[in-house]
C-alpha atoms as a PDB file:
ATOM      1  CA  UNK A   1      -6.792   0.697  20.799  1.00  0.00           C
ATOM      2  CA  UNK A   2      -5.243   2.447  17.806  1.00  0.00           C
ATOM      3  CA  UNK A   3      -7.203   5.275  16.210  1.00  0.00           C
ATOM      4  CA  UNK A   4      -6.449   4.256  12.618  1.00  0.00           C
ATOM      5  CA  UNK A   5      -8.115   7.250  10.921  1.00  0.00           C
ATOM      6  CA  UNK A   6      -6.059   9.633  13.092  1.00  0.00           C
ATOM      7  CA  UNK A   7      -2.890   7.621  12.395  1.00  0.00           C
ATOM      8  CA  UNK A   8      -3.667   7.947   8.664  1.00  0.00           C
ATOM      9  CA  UNK A   9      -4.248  11.703   8.918  1.00  0.00           C
ATOM     10  CA  UNK A  10      -1.068  12.183  10.936  1.00  0.00           C
ATOM     11  CA  UNK A  11       1.080  10.285   8.430  1.00  0.00           C
ATOM     12  CA  UNK A  12      -0.428  12.188   5.500  1.00  0.00           C
ATOM     13  CA  UNK A  13       0.208  15.520   7.263  1.00  0.00           C
ATOM     14  CA  UNK A  14       3.803  14.484   8.034  1.00  0.00           C
ATOM     15  CA  UNK A  15       4.543  13.868   4.352  1.00  0.00           C
ATOM     16  CA  UNK A  16       2.322  16.594   2.889  1.00  0.00           C
ATOM     17  CA  UNK A  17       0.095  14.057   1.149  1.00  0.00           C
ATOM     18  CA  UNK A  18      -3.636  14.215   0.559  1.00  0.00           C
ATOM     19  CA  UNK A  19      -5.665  12.048   2.943  1.00  0.00           C
ATOM     20  CA  UNK A  20      -7.104   9.351   0.643  1.00  0.00           C
ATOM     21  CA  UNK A  21      -8.090   6.222   2.586  1.00  0.00           C
ATOM     22  CA  UNK A  22      -9.199   3.192   0.604  1.00  0.00           C
ATOM     23  CA  UNK A  23     -12.922   2.510   0.514  1.00  0.00           C
ATOM     24  CA  UNK A  24     -14.230  -0.181   2.827  1.00  0.00           C
ATOM     25  CA  UNK A  25     -14.459  -3.472   0.966  1.00  0.00           C
ATOM     26  CA  UNK A  26     -12.071  -2.349  -1.770  1.00  0.00           C
ATOM     27  CA  UNK A  27      -9.421  -4.735  -3.055  1.00  0.00           C
ATOM     28  CA  UNK A  28      -5.664  -4.420  -3.302  1.00  0.00           C
ATOM     29  CA  UNK A  29      -2.962  -6.570  -4.842  1.00  0.00           C
ATOM     30  CA  UNK A  30      -0.700  -8.393  -2.400  1.00  0.00           C
ATOM     31  CA  UNK A  31       2.067 -10.921  -2.947  1.00  0.00           C
ATOM     32  CA  UNK A  32       0.955 -13.311  -0.211  1.00  0.00           C
ATOM     33  CA  UNK A  33       3.843 -15.684  -0.892  1.00  0.00           C
ATOM     34  CA  UNK A  34       6.334 -12.982   0.149  1.00  0.00           C
ATOM     35  CA  UNK A  35       4.813 -12.187   3.553  1.00  0.00           C
ATOM     36  CA  UNK A  36       7.225 -12.872   6.380  1.00  0.00           C
ATOM     37  CA  UNK A  37      10.133 -11.286   4.503  1.00  0.00           C
ATOM     38  CA  UNK A  38      11.504  -7.788   4.955  1.00  0.00           C
ATOM     39  CA  UNK A  39      11.355  -5.040   3.969  1.00  0.00           C
ATOM     40  CA  UNK A  40       7.690  -4.411   3.171  1.00  0.00           C
ATOM     41  CA  UNK A  41       6.969  -2.370   0.048  1.00  0.00           C
ATOM     42  CA  UNK A  42       3.801  -0.612  -0.997  1.00  0.00           C
ATOM     43  CA  UNK A  43       2.848   1.524  -3.953  1.00  0.00           C
ATOM     44  CA  UNK A  44      -0.443   3.053  -4.971  1.00  0.00           C
ATOM     45  CA  UNK A  45      -1.623   3.611  -8.518  1.00  0.00           C
ATOM     46  CA  UNK A  46      -4.959   5.257  -9.422  1.00  0.00           C
ATOM     47  CA  UNK A  47      -8.063   3.336  -8.369  1.00  0.00           C
ATOM     48  CA  UNK A  48      -9.831   1.268 -10.987  1.00  0.00           C
ATOM     49  CA  UNK A  49     -13.062  -0.635 -10.572  1.00  0.00           C
ATOM     50  CA  UNK A  50     -13.193  -2.088  -7.064  1.00  0.00           C
ATOM     51  CA  UNK A  51      -9.401  -1.977  -6.727  1.00  0.00           C
ATOM     52  CA  UNK A  52      -8.036   0.757  -4.462  1.00  0.00           C
ATOM     53  CA  UNK A  53      -4.676   0.967  -6.265  1.00  0.00           C
ATOM     54  CA  UNK A  54      -2.439  -0.510  -3.553  1.00  0.00           C
ATOM     55  CA  UNK A  55       0.129  -3.177  -4.385  1.00  0.00           C
ATOM     56  CA  UNK A  56       2.062  -4.726  -1.504  1.00  0.00           C
ATOM     57  CA  UNK A  57       4.970  -7.163  -1.363  1.00  0.00           C
ATOM     58  CA  UNK A  58       7.833  -8.110   0.933  1.00  0.00           C
ATOM     59  CA  UNK A  59      11.493  -8.820   0.252  1.00  0.00           C
ATOM     60  CA  UNK A  60      13.687  -7.193  -2.311  1.00  0.00           C
ATOM     61  CA  UNK A  61      12.016  -6.959  -5.708  1.00  0.00           C
ATOM     62  CA  UNK A  62       8.523  -7.300  -7.088  1.00  0.00           C
ATOM     63  CA  UNK A  63       7.984  -9.717  -9.941  1.00  0.00           C
ATOM     64  CA  UNK A  64       6.573  -8.949 -13.384  1.00  0.00           C
ATOM     65  CA  UNK A  65       4.738 -12.295 -13.297  1.00  0.00           C
ATOM     66  CA  UNK A  66       0.975 -11.598 -13.605  1.00  0.00           C
ATOM     67  CA  UNK A  67       0.373 -14.188 -10.850  1.00  0.00           C
ATOM     68  CA  UNK A  68       2.700 -12.395  -8.364  1.00  0.00           C
ATOM     69  CA  UNK A  69      -0.158 -10.420  -6.735  1.00  0.00           C
ATOM     70  CA  UNK A  70      -3.391 -11.854  -5.404  1.00  0.00           C
ATOM     71  CA  UNK A  71      -6.531  -9.761  -4.798  1.00  0.00           C
ATOM     72  CA  UNK A  72      -7.406  -9.143  -1.167  1.00  0.00           C
ATOM     73  CA  UNK A  73     -10.039  -7.022   0.561  1.00  0.00           C
ATOM     74  CA  UNK A  74      -8.352  -4.245   2.500  1.00  0.00           C
ATOM     75  CA  UNK A  75      -9.970  -5.336   5.781  1.00  0.00           C
ATOM     76  CA  UNK A  76      -7.931  -8.585   5.780  1.00  0.00           C
ATOM     77  CA  UNK A  77      -4.685  -6.651   6.268  1.00  0.00           C
ATOM     78  CA  UNK A  78      -5.519  -6.240   9.960  1.00  0.00           C
ATOM     79  CA  UNK A  79      -4.712  -9.928  10.418  1.00  0.00           C
ATOM     80  CA  UNK A  80      -2.324 -10.649   7.525  1.00  0.00           C
ATOM     81  CA  UNK A  81      -0.072  -7.597   7.491  1.00  0.00           C
ATOM     82  CA  UNK A  82      -0.950  -4.986  10.140  1.00  0.00           C
ATOM     83  CA  UNK A  83       2.376  -3.178   9.754  1.00  0.00           C
ATOM     84  CA  UNK A  84       1.152  -1.578   6.502  1.00  0.00           C
ATOM     85  CA  UNK A  85      -2.129  -0.204   7.881  1.00  0.00           C
ATOM     86  CA  UNK A  86      -0.688   3.205   8.786  1.00  0.00           C
ATOM     87  CA  UNK A  87       0.255   3.912   5.145  1.00  0.00           C
ATOM     88  CA  UNK A  88      -3.042   3.099   3.448  1.00  0.00           C
ATOM     89  CA  UNK A  89      -4.454   6.652   3.328  1.00  0.00           C
ATOM     90  CA  UNK A  90      -1.590   7.868   1.137  1.00  0.00           C
ATOM     91  CA  UNK A  91      -2.965   8.787  -2.293  1.00  0.00           C
ATOM     92  CA  UNK A  92      -2.136   7.326  -5.698  1.00  0.00           C
ATOM     93  CA  UNK A  93       1.385   8.252  -6.714  1.00  0.00           C
ATOM     94  CA  UNK A  94       2.956   7.397  -3.344  1.00  0.00           C
ATOM     95  CA  UNK A  95       5.205   4.582  -2.114  1.00  0.00           C
ATOM     96  CA  UNK A  96       6.476   3.314   1.211  1.00  0.00           C
ATOM     97  CA  UNK A  97       9.186   0.970   2.444  1.00  0.00           C
ATOM     98  CA  UNK A  98       9.415  -0.288   6.031  1.00  0.00           C
ATOM     99  CA  UNK A  99      10.944  -3.022   8.124  1.00  0.00           C
ATOM    100  CA  UNK A 100       8.941  -2.042  11.190  1.00  0.00           C
ATOM    101  CA  UNK A 101      11.429   0.452  12.610  1.00  0.00           C
ATOM    102  CA  UNK A 102      12.827   2.028   9.440  1.00  0.00           C
ATOM    103  CA  UNK A 103      10.249   3.944   7.389  1.00  0.00           C
ATOM    104  CA  UNK A 104      10.628   5.670   4.033  1.00  0.00           C
ATOM    105  CA  UNK A 105       7.679   7.351   2.309  1.00  0.00           C
ATOM    106  CA  UNK A 106       7.938   9.192  -0.992  1.00  0.00           C
ATOM    107  CA  UNK A 107       5.972  10.471  -3.931  1.00  0.00           C
ATOM    108  CA  UNK A 108       6.561   8.771  -7.292  1.00  0.00           C
ATOM    109  CA  UNK A 109       4.758  10.539 -10.134  1.00  0.00           C
ATOM    110  CA  UNK A 110       5.521   7.615 -12.490  1.00  0.00           C
ATOM    111  CA  UNK A 111       2.792   5.691 -10.681  1.00  0.00           C
ATOM    112  CA  UNK A 112       0.231   8.121 -12.101  1.00  0.00           C
ATOM    113  CA  UNK A 113       1.211   7.461 -15.715  1.00  0.00           C
ATOM    114  CA  UNK A 114      -1.097   5.175 -17.732  1.00  0.00           C
ATOM    115  CA  UNK A 115       0.098   1.583 -17.683  1.00  0.00           C
ATOM    116  CA  UNK A 116       1.569   0.500 -21.004  1.00  0.00           C
ATOM    117  CA  UNK A 117       0.753  -3.129 -21.618  1.00  0.00           C
END
């Protein structure tokens, strides 16, 4: 059995990021219609309300369409998209890209800027 909290801590240490796991029961935005494509992308903006700030999609580019992302409780990722679980403790202002074997994780301070629109 995978020790997810330790996997989270290890990944955060590796990249020098603060350990900031999403709260149990919190929601994220996921483009369900893109699942099954590669690569998988994730970015985290500051939390707001019950949303933990994560936005996830697969394939090349995200869409600007307001219907692109659907809300999902973080616990459902275990079944729908387990490959992203290891990244979820990265704090706001971080991104990842993976195809399962290739992994890229980086800080993007633009994600911390207030959304215009």
